[in-house]
Structure formats: C-alpha cells, structure tokens
Amino acid sequence: MELYRDIDLPDPQIRTIGQMQPVLAVAGCNASGPLYFMYRNLARTAEDRAWLAANQIRFDYTVIPPRTLCGEFTKTKGHYHPAAPDGTGYPELYQVLAGQAEYLLQTRDSSYVVVVRAGPGDVVLVPPGYGHVTINPADTELCMVNLVSEAFASEYAAYEEQQGAAYYHCTDGWMKNPQYGDAGDLTIRDAPEFPEEGIVHGREIYELIGGDSLGFLNNPAEYAHLFRAF
C-alpha cells in the first residue's frame, strides 16, 4: 500500500501520554511525551478537497509508533459517535497502510465487545452505535487512514469516566477493565469486506472519494445491510 506520500501533510495533531492518562490500564502510569500523530482533513487534489467539503466527509491519516505504557500496548484514546439526523449512529471507515492494528469495538452498554484484527490493505468499518479504540500490538509503526463524516464531534467522556475501553491489551494478554462489571466476553475476528459498496481489502479507500459509495457515512440508516456483519 502507498503511504500517501503524494499528499502534503500539515503539522499533525499530537496525542500526548498526559492526555491519555484517564484511559490507561495503570492509573498514573509514569510516562510522558507524544504518543501518536493525527493528520486531519487531507486531499490529493483541489477537486477531491472540494468534493469532500461538499459531502461533509473528512480523510485523515494517523501514525501510531510502537510502544508500551506500563505494560499496555499503545492505543488511541477511544470515543463514541452520536446519532445522525436519521437516528442511526455515525459509522467510520478505516484502512491499515502499514503495521498491524486491533480495532476494539464495543456497544454503549458493553454487552458486545469485539476486536477486529487488520493488516496492510485491510479495511475496517466501525458500525453505528459502537465506540472504538485502535491498538498497535506490534513492534512496528502502525499507519492508517480513515473516512468519516464531518457533521459531528466525537464523544470521549464515557471512555474517560470508565478508565478506557472494556478490555486492555497488555504484553501478558487481554485484561478486563474492572470498571465494566457487566461487559460481554471478548470476541476476536478478522476484518470483513463489503464488496457491494466497493469496500474490499487491498483497494485504497481513497478511491471511494468522488463516487457514490460513501453515502453511508452521513446517512447510515439507508445502509443497514452494511452493518449486518456485526
């Protein structure tokens, strides 16, 4: 997979370890410095940028270097998406460019928790109603891109209040977060494909820009068939 070197990257938004303290497995973990880097609102051409803006869609690029924090693999902070005007939660589409990723998805009541494993070229669709955390469990840099609606703001508070997701991935295995007393068992699976919308492993999700396959990002209720895999 190309690492989008043909896109001029702006200065990244940097997630620091200090900002991550509320969601780490070890409260007060004695570590500091930058943790991962987010490049927001990217486009290859002015035409693509205009299409993305007109359709309220954002294309981002994230780099998560390998690291452990007090025995826990590096991860993103985690958030939920609110409901779209049609009443269904906003989804999100990811693709791994390099490295290995684990997308830890959970329903708001944490009754269903699933880890979707993905490698270079794999696509991962976060369905409506699921919060999500991305974990880098490997000793190599994780690079990924995503397409998401710009019509909402992500909701981080629930993860901060419960010290992260329902499970932590640590160097000695998966550990249940004690803040989630009634969380469901952890399911681990590989990433499914969605060929009916052109979302298949190995095809750059950037190629979907300018076409008719991204309507589900802003109108998820019309695309219920996409989310049956979960």
C-alpha atoms as a PDB file:
ATOM      1  CA  MET A   1       0.000   0.000   0.000  1.00  0.00           C
ATOM      2  CA  GLU A   2       1.165   3.503  -0.736  1.00  0.00           C
ATOM      3  CA  LEU A   3       1.700   5.597   2.376  1.00  0.00           C
ATOM      4  CA  TYR A   4       0.139   8.651   0.729  1.00  0.00           C
ATOM      5  CA  ARG A   5       3.476  10.333   0.165  1.00  0.00           C
ATOM      6  CA  ASP A   6       1.799  12.236  -2.673  1.00  0.00           C
ATOM      7  CA  ILE A   7      -0.257  14.222  -0.143  1.00  0.00           C
ATOM      8  CA  ASP A   8       1.295  17.273   1.504  1.00  0.00           C
ATOM      9  CA  LEU A   9       0.873  16.679   5.202  1.00  0.00           C
ATOM     10  CA  PRO A  10       0.145  19.585   7.554  1.00  0.00           C
ATOM     11  CA  ASP A  11       1.550  19.694  11.066  1.00  0.00           C
ATOM     12  CA  PRO A  12      -0.037  16.825  12.989  1.00  0.00           C
ATOM     13  CA  GLN A  13      -2.304  16.945  15.967  1.00  0.00           C
ATOM     14  CA  ILE A  14      -0.347  15.121  18.654  1.00  0.00           C
ATOM     15  CA  ARG A  15      -1.933  12.964  21.334  1.00  0.00           C
ATOM     16  CA  THR A  16       0.320  13.058  24.369  1.00  0.00           C
ATOM     17  CA  ILE A  17       0.638  10.471  27.100  1.00  0.00           C
ATOM     18  CA  GLY A  18      -0.568  13.096  29.547  1.00  0.00           C
ATOM     19  CA  GLN A  19      -3.838  13.387  27.612  1.00  0.00           C
ATOM     20  CA  MET A  20      -4.157   9.590  27.694  1.00  0.00           C
ATOM     21  CA  GLN A  21      -3.793   9.201  31.460  1.00  0.00           C
ATOM     22  CA  PRO A  22      -7.575   8.893  32.126  1.00  0.00           C
ATOM     23  CA  VAL A  23      -7.861   5.811  29.872  1.00  0.00           C
ATOM     24  CA  LEU A  24      -4.724   3.816  30.685  1.00  0.00           C
ATOM     25  CA  ALA A  25      -4.834   0.431  32.403  1.00  0.00           C
ATOM     26  CA  VAL A  26      -2.373   1.665  35.034  1.00  0.00           C
ATOM     27  CA  ALA A  27      -3.671   4.892  36.522  1.00  0.00           C
ATOM     28  CA  GLY A  28      -0.860   7.398  36.950  1.00  0.00           C
ATOM     29  CA  CYS A  29       1.499   5.461  34.678  1.00  0.00           C
ATOM     30  CA  ASN A  30       4.847   7.254  34.918  1.00  0.00           C
ATOM     31  CA  ALA A  31       5.438   8.091  31.257  1.00  0.00           C
ATOM     32  CA  SER A  32       5.432  11.252  29.192  1.00  0.00           C
ATOM     33  CA  GLY A  33       5.872  12.609  25.686  1.00  0.00           C
ATOM     34  CA  PRO A  34       3.993  12.258  22.371  1.00  0.00           C
ATOM     35  CA  LEU A  35       2.149   9.002  21.721  1.00  0.00           C
ATOM     36  CA  TYR A  36       0.566   9.195  18.254  1.00  0.00           C
ATOM     37  CA  PHE A  37       0.096  11.660  15.416  1.00  0.00           C
ATOM     38  CA  MET A  38      -3.078  12.631  13.524  1.00  0.00           C
ATOM     39  CA  TYR A  39      -3.097  14.418  10.157  1.00  0.00           C
ATOM     40  CA  ARG A  40      -6.595  15.757   9.559  1.00  0.00           C
ATOM     41  CA  ASN A  41      -8.619  16.771   6.523  1.00  0.00           C
ATOM     42  CA  LEU A  42      -6.312  15.636   3.731  1.00  0.00           C
ATOM     43  CA  ALA A  43      -6.805  15.511  -0.043  1.00  0.00           C
ATOM     44  CA  ARG A  44      -4.652  14.768  -3.060  1.00  0.00           C
ATOM     45  CA  THR A  45      -6.194  17.418  -5.321  1.00  0.00           C
ATOM     46  CA  ALA A  46      -8.239  20.587  -5.077  1.00  0.00           C
ATOM     47  CA  GLU A  47     -11.082  18.728  -6.794  1.00  0.00           C
ATOM     48  CA  ASP A  48     -11.028  15.998  -4.150  1.00  0.00           C
ATOM     49  CA  ARG A  49     -10.949  18.565  -1.367  1.00  0.00           C
ATOM     50  CA  ALA A  50     -13.964  20.357  -2.818  1.00  0.00           C
ATOM     51  CA  TRP A  51     -15.895  17.070  -3.103  1.00  0.00           C
ATOM     52  CA  LEU A  52     -15.069  16.110   0.474  1.00  0.00           C
ATOM     53  CA  ALA A  53     -16.169  19.507   1.768  1.00  0.00           C
ATOM     54  CA  ALA A  54     -19.405  19.452  -0.241  1.00  0.00           C
ATOM     55  CA  ASN A  55     -20.217  15.994   1.126  1.00  0.00           C
ATOM     56  CA  GLN A  56     -19.167  16.722   4.725  1.00  0.00           C
ATOM     57  CA  ILE A  57     -16.545  13.974   4.726  1.00  0.00           C
ATOM     58  CA  ARG A  58     -13.015  14.073   6.108  1.00  0.00           C
ATOM     59  CA  PHE A  59      -9.994  11.962   5.115  1.00  0.00           C
ATOM     60  CA  ASP A  60      -7.378  11.534   7.865  1.00  0.00           C
ATOM     61  CA  TYR A  61      -4.035   9.813   8.326  1.00  0.00           C
ATOM     62  CA  THR A  62      -2.806   8.537  11.710  1.00  0.00           C
ATOM     63  CA  VAL A  63       0.598   7.213  12.769  1.00  0.00           C
ATOM     64  CA  ILE A  64       0.949   5.169  15.966  1.00  0.00           C
ATOM     65  CA  PRO A  65       4.563   4.269  16.812  1.00  0.00           C
ATOM     66  CA  PRO A  66       5.213   1.036  18.725  1.00  0.00           C
ATOM     67  CA  ARG A  67       5.358   1.448  22.482  1.00  0.00           C
ATOM     68  CA  THR A  68       4.030   0.065  25.736  1.00  0.00           C
ATOM     69  CA  LEU A  69       2.822   2.126  28.665  1.00  0.00           C
ATOM     70  CA  CYS A  70       3.271   0.308  31.968  1.00  0.00           C
ATOM     71  CA  GLY A  71       2.709  -2.977  30.181  1.00  0.00           C
ATOM     72  CA  GLU A  72      -0.166  -1.852  27.922  1.00  0.00           C
ATOM     73  CA  PHE A  73       0.198  -1.624  24.153  1.00  0.00           C
ATOM     74  CA  THR A  74      -0.119   1.818  22.583  1.00  0.00           C
ATOM     75  CA  LYS A  75      -3.686   2.747  21.673  1.00  0.00           C
ATOM     76  CA  THR A  76      -5.896   5.658  20.714  1.00  0.00           C
ATOM     77  CA  LYS A  77      -7.988   7.356  23.364  1.00  0.00           C
ATOM     78  CA  GLY A  78     -11.318   5.883  22.280  1.00  0.00           C
ATOM     79  CA  HIS A  79     -14.630   7.555  21.543  1.00  0.00           C
ATOM     80  CA  TYR A  80     -18.256   7.083  20.539  1.00  0.00           C
ATOM     81  CA  HIS A  81     -20.141   8.756  17.704  1.00  0.00           C
ATOM     82  CA  PRO A  82     -23.525  10.436  18.231  1.00  0.00           C
ATOM     83  CA  ALA A  83     -26.624   9.662  16.168  1.00  0.00           C
ATOM     84  CA  ALA A  84     -27.059  11.170  12.718  1.00  0.00           C
ATOM     85  CA  PRO A  85     -30.277  13.085  11.924  1.00  0.00           C
ATOM     86  CA  ASP A  86     -31.775   9.819  10.653  1.00  0.00           C
ATOM     87  CA  GLY A  87     -31.478   8.395  14.181  1.00  0.00           C
ATOM     88  CA  THR A  88     -28.680   5.929  13.450  1.00  0.00           C
ATOM     89  CA  GLY A  89     -25.181   6.421  14.841  1.00  0.00           C
ATOM     90  CA  TYR A  90     -22.469   7.703  12.519  1.00  0.00           C
ATOM     91  CA  PRO A  91     -20.083   4.965  11.253  1.00  0.00           C
ATOM     92  CA  GLU A  92     -16.437   5.314  10.240  1.00  0.00           C
ATOM     93  CA  LEU A  93     -14.204   3.568   7.695  1.00  0.00           C
ATOM     94  CA  TYR A  94     -10.540   2.721   8.346  1.00  0.00           C
ATOM     95  CA  GLN A  95      -7.756   1.148   6.329  1.00  0.00           C
ATOM     96  CA  VAL A  96      -4.374  -0.062   7.548  1.00  0.00           C
ATOM     97  CA  LEU A  97      -1.468   1.056   5.382  1.00  0.00           C
ATOM     98  CA  ALA A  98       1.435  -0.425   7.353  1.00  0.00           C
ATOM     99  CA  GLY A  99       1.848  -2.417  10.543  1.00  0.00           C
ATOM    100  CA  GLN A 100      -0.769  -4.327  12.479  1.00  0.00           C
ATOM    101  CA  ALA A 101      -3.913  -2.964  14.102  1.00  0.00           C
ATOM    102  CA  GLU A 102      -6.540  -4.155  16.537  1.00  0.00           C
ATOM    103  CA  TYR A 103      -9.810  -2.212  16.482  1.00  0.00           C
ATOM    104  CA  LEU A 104     -11.519  -2.733  19.831  1.00  0.00           C
ATOM    105  CA  LEU A 105     -15.230  -2.069  19.234  1.00  0.00           C
ATOM    106  CA  GLN A 106     -17.920  -2.051  21.905  1.00  0.00           C
ATOM    107  CA  THR A 107     -21.594  -1.208  22.208  1.00  0.00           C
ATOM    108  CA  ARG A 108     -22.529   1.573  24.599  1.00  0.00           C
ATOM    109  CA  ASP A 109     -23.773  -0.927  27.184  1.00  0.00           C
ATOM    110  CA  SER A 110     -20.599  -3.022  26.614  1.00  0.00           C
ATOM    111  CA  SER A 111     -22.716  -6.157  26.176  1.00  0.00           C
ATOM    112  CA  TYR A 112     -20.851  -6.898  22.945  1.00  0.00           C
ATOM    113  CA  VAL A 113     -17.112  -6.295  22.636  1.00  0.00           C
ATOM    114  CA  VAL A 114     -15.163  -7.360  19.553  1.00  0.00           C
ATOM    115  CA  VAL A 115     -11.564  -6.963  18.429  1.00  0.00           C
ATOM    116  CA  VAL A 116     -11.176  -6.700  14.653  1.00  0.00           C
ATOM    117  CA  ARG A 117      -7.658  -7.560  13.542  1.00  0.00           C
ATOM    118  CA  ALA A 118      -6.281  -5.868  10.429  1.00  0.00           C
ATOM    119  CA  GLY A 119      -3.031  -5.726   8.481  1.00  0.00           C
ATOM    120  CA  PRO A 120      -1.784  -3.755   5.466  1.00  0.00           C
ATOM    121  CA  GLY A 121      -4.570  -3.135   2.963  1.00  0.00           C
ATOM    122  CA  ASP A 122      -7.369  -4.364   5.224  1.00  0.00           C
ATOM    123  CA  VAL A 123     -10.472  -2.225   5.644  1.00  0.00           C
ATOM    124  CA  VAL A 124     -12.411  -1.936   8.901  1.00  0.00           C
ATOM    125  CA  LEU A 125     -15.904  -0.485   9.102  1.00  0.00           C
ATOM    126  CA  VAL A 126     -16.912   0.786  12.548  1.00  0.00           C
ATOM    127  CA  PRO A 127     -20.691   0.277  12.613  1.00  0.00           C
ATOM    128  CA  PRO A 128     -23.257   2.639  14.143  1.00  0.00           C
ATOM    129  CA  GLY A 129     -23.545   2.519  17.905  1.00  0.00           C
ATOM    130  CA  TYR A 130     -20.028   1.242  18.588  1.00  0.00           C
ATOM    131  CA  GLY A 131     -17.288   3.030  20.437  1.00  0.00           C
ATOM    132  CA  HIS A 132     -13.802   2.246  19.219  1.00  0.00           C
ATOM    133  CA  VAL A 133     -10.147   2.190  20.216  1.00  0.00           C
ATOM    134  CA  THR A 134      -7.252   1.372  17.881  1.00  0.00           C
ATOM    135  CA  ILE A 135      -4.354  -0.616  19.356  1.00  0.00           C
ATOM    136  CA  ASN A 136      -0.866  -1.154  17.955  1.00  0.00           C
ATOM    137  CA  PRO A 137       0.124  -4.579  19.334  1.00  0.00           C
ATOM    138  CA  ALA A 138       3.267  -4.970  17.215  1.00  0.00           C
ATOM    139  CA  ASP A 139       6.851  -3.739  17.340  1.00  0.00           C
ATOM    140  CA  THR A 140       6.426  -1.782  14.094  1.00  0.00           C
ATOM    141  CA  GLU A 141       4.814   1.548  13.294  1.00  0.00           C
ATOM    142  CA  LEU A 142       1.089   1.464  12.573  1.00  0.00           C
ATOM    143  CA  CYS A 143      -0.084   3.761   9.780  1.00  0.00           C
ATOM    144  CA  MET A 144      -3.776   4.008   8.921  1.00  0.00           C
ATOM    145  CA  VAL A 145      -6.232   6.262   7.134  1.00  0.00           C
ATOM    146  CA  ASN A 146      -9.928   6.875   7.703  1.00  0.00           C
ATOM    147  CA  LEU A 147     -13.006   8.405   6.117  1.00  0.00           C
ATOM    148  CA  VAL A 148     -15.601   9.895   8.449  1.00  0.00           C
ATOM    149  CA  SER A 149     -18.432  12.408   8.460  1.00  0.00           C
ATOM    150  CA  GLU A 150     -17.602  15.965   9.468  1.00  0.00           C
ATOM    151  CA  ALA A 151     -21.138  16.534  10.736  1.00  0.00           C
ATOM    152  CA  PHE A 152     -20.436  15.513  14.341  1.00  0.00           C
ATOM    153  CA  ALA A 153     -17.962  15.765  17.200  1.00  0.00           C
ATOM    154  CA  SER A 154     -16.572  12.589  18.771  1.00  0.00           C
ATOM    155  CA  GLU A 155     -17.609  11.788  22.341  1.00  0.00           C
ATOM    156  CA  TYR A 156     -14.698  10.907  24.648  1.00  0.00           C
ATOM    157  CA  ALA A 157     -16.284  11.355  28.073  1.00  0.00           C
ATOM    158  CA  ALA A 158     -17.571   7.787  28.530  1.00  0.00           C
ATOM    159  CA  TYR A 159     -14.107   6.334  27.963  1.00  0.00           C
ATOM    160  CA  GLU A 160     -12.530   8.817  30.352  1.00  0.00           C
ATOM    161  CA  GLU A 161     -15.134   8.127  33.045  1.00  0.00           C
ATOM    162  CA  GLN A 162     -14.594   4.346  32.844  1.00  0.00           C
ATOM    163  CA  GLN A 163     -10.802   4.424  32.517  1.00  0.00           C
ATOM    164  CA  GLY A 164     -10.780   3.331  28.902  1.00  0.00           C
ATOM    165  CA  ALA A 165     -12.471   0.546  26.974  1.00  0.00           C
ATOM    166  CA  ALA A 166     -13.930  -2.656  28.403  1.00  0.00           C
ATOM    167  CA  TYR A 167     -10.659  -4.516  27.817  1.00  0.00           C
ATOM    168  CA  TYR A 168      -6.973  -3.622  27.787  1.00  0.00           C
ATOM    169  CA  HIS A 169      -4.404  -5.377  25.609  1.00  0.00           C
ATOM    170  CA  CYS A 170      -1.273  -5.817  27.688  1.00  0.00           C
ATOM    171  CA  THR A 171       2.006  -7.573  26.984  1.00  0.00           C
ATOM    172  CA  ASP A 172       0.799 -10.566  29.003  1.00  0.00           C
ATOM    173  CA  GLY A 173      -2.593 -10.775  27.273  1.00  0.00           C
ATOM    174  CA  TRP A 174      -6.068  -9.256  27.352  1.00  0.00           C
ATOM    175  CA  MET A 175      -7.278  -7.872  30.669  1.00  0.00           C
ATOM    176  CA  LYS A 176     -10.846  -6.907  31.510  1.00  0.00           C
ATOM    177  CA  ASN A 177     -11.345  -3.358  32.757  1.00  0.00           C
ATOM    178  CA  PRO A 178     -12.838  -3.698  36.279  1.00  0.00           C
ATOM    179  CA  GLN A 179     -14.904  -0.549  35.658  1.00  0.00           C
ATOM    180  CA  TYR A 180     -17.074  -2.666  33.333  1.00  0.00           C
ATOM    181  CA  GLY A 181     -18.535  -5.247  35.665  1.00  0.00           C
ATOM    182  CA  ASP A 182     -21.119  -6.495  33.186  1.00  0.00           C
ATOM    183  CA  ALA A 183     -19.094  -6.306  29.945  1.00  0.00           C
ATOM    184  CA  GLY A 184     -19.591  -9.153  27.493  1.00  0.00           C
ATOM    185  CA  ASP A 185     -16.896 -11.683  26.687  1.00  0.00           C
ATOM    186  CA  LEU A 186     -14.250 -10.570  24.226  1.00  0.00           C
ATOM    187  CA  THR A 187     -14.695 -11.762  20.631  1.00  0.00           C
ATOM    188  CA  ILE A 188     -11.736 -11.649  18.237  1.00  0.00           C
ATOM    189  CA  ARG A 189     -12.209 -11.764  14.475  1.00  0.00           C
ATOM    190  CA  ASP A 190     -10.638 -10.727  11.192  1.00  0.00           C
ATOM    191  CA  ALA A 191     -11.921  -7.744   9.249  1.00  0.00           C
ATOM    192  CA  PRO A 192     -14.860  -8.451   6.904  1.00  0.00           C
ATOM    193  CA  GLU A 193     -15.218  -6.924   3.431  1.00  0.00           C
ATOM    194  CA  PHE A 194     -18.189  -5.098   1.900  1.00  0.00           C
ATOM    195  CA  PRO A 195     -17.868  -5.657  -1.855  1.00  0.00           C
ATOM    196  CA  GLU A 196     -21.361  -4.340  -2.615  1.00  0.00           C
ATOM    197  CA  GLU A 197     -20.027  -0.866  -1.802  1.00  0.00           C
ATOM    198  CA  GLY A 198     -16.542  -1.412  -3.228  1.00  0.00           C
ATOM    199  CA  ILE A 199     -15.030  -1.727   0.250  1.00  0.00           C
ATOM    200  CA  VAL A 200     -12.579  -4.604  -0.152  1.00  0.00           C
ATOM    201  CA  HIS A 201      -9.158  -5.439   1.204  1.00  0.00           C
ATOM    202  CA  GLY A 202      -6.323  -4.089  -0.905  1.00  0.00           C
ATOM    203  CA  ARG A 203      -8.303  -1.335  -2.604  1.00  0.00           C
ATOM    204  CA  GLU A 204      -7.397   2.128  -1.368  1.00  0.00           C
ATOM    205  CA  ILE A 205     -10.372   3.691   0.385  1.00  0.00           C
ATOM    206  CA  TYR A 206      -9.212   6.989  -1.083  1.00  0.00           C
ATOM    207  CA  GLU A 207     -10.543   5.711  -4.422  1.00  0.00           C
ATOM    208  CA  LEU A 208     -14.067   5.964  -2.982  1.00  0.00           C
ATOM    209  CA  ILE A 209     -13.787   9.762  -2.897  1.00  0.00           C
ATOM    210  CA  GLY A 210     -15.853  11.354  -5.655  1.00  0.00           C
ATOM    211  CA  GLY A 211     -18.085   8.328  -6.116  1.00  0.00           C
ATOM    212  CA  ASP A 212     -21.408   7.096  -4.788  1.00  0.00           C
ATOM    213  CA  SER A 213     -20.169   4.604  -2.181  1.00  0.00           C
ATOM    214  CA  LEU A 214     -19.705   6.874   0.843  1.00  0.00           C
ATOM    215  CA  GLY A 215     -23.321   7.859   1.450  1.00  0.00           C
ATOM    216  CA  PHE A 216     -23.386   5.591   4.498  1.00  0.00           C
ATOM    217  CA  LEU A 217     -21.091   7.979   6.372  1.00  0.00           C
ATOM    218  CA  ASN A 218     -23.793  10.660   6.644  1.00  0.00           C
ATOM    219  CA  ASN A 219     -26.967   8.623   6.056  1.00  0.00           C
ATOM    220  CA  PRO A 220     -26.317   5.342   7.882  1.00  0.00           C
ATOM    221  CA  ALA A 221     -29.988   4.327   8.240  1.00  0.00           C
ATOM    222  CA  GLU A 222     -30.156   3.817   4.470  1.00  0.00           C
ATOM    223  CA  TYR A 223     -27.296   1.297   4.561  1.00  0.00           C
ATOM    224  CA  ALA A 224     -28.364  -1.191   7.232  1.00  0.00           C
ATOM    225  CA  HIS A 225     -27.128  -4.051   5.027  1.00  0.00           C
ATOM    226  CA  LEU A 226     -23.533  -2.861   5.509  1.00  0.00           C
ATOM    227  CA  PHE A 227     -23.614  -3.371   9.250  1.00  0.00           C
ATOM    228  CA  ARG A 228     -25.086  -6.858   9.466  1.00  0.00           C
ATOM    229  CA  ALA A 229     -21.609  -8.352   9.712  1.00  0.00           C
ATOM    230  CA  PHE A 230     -21.664  -7.271  13.349  1.00  0.00           C
END
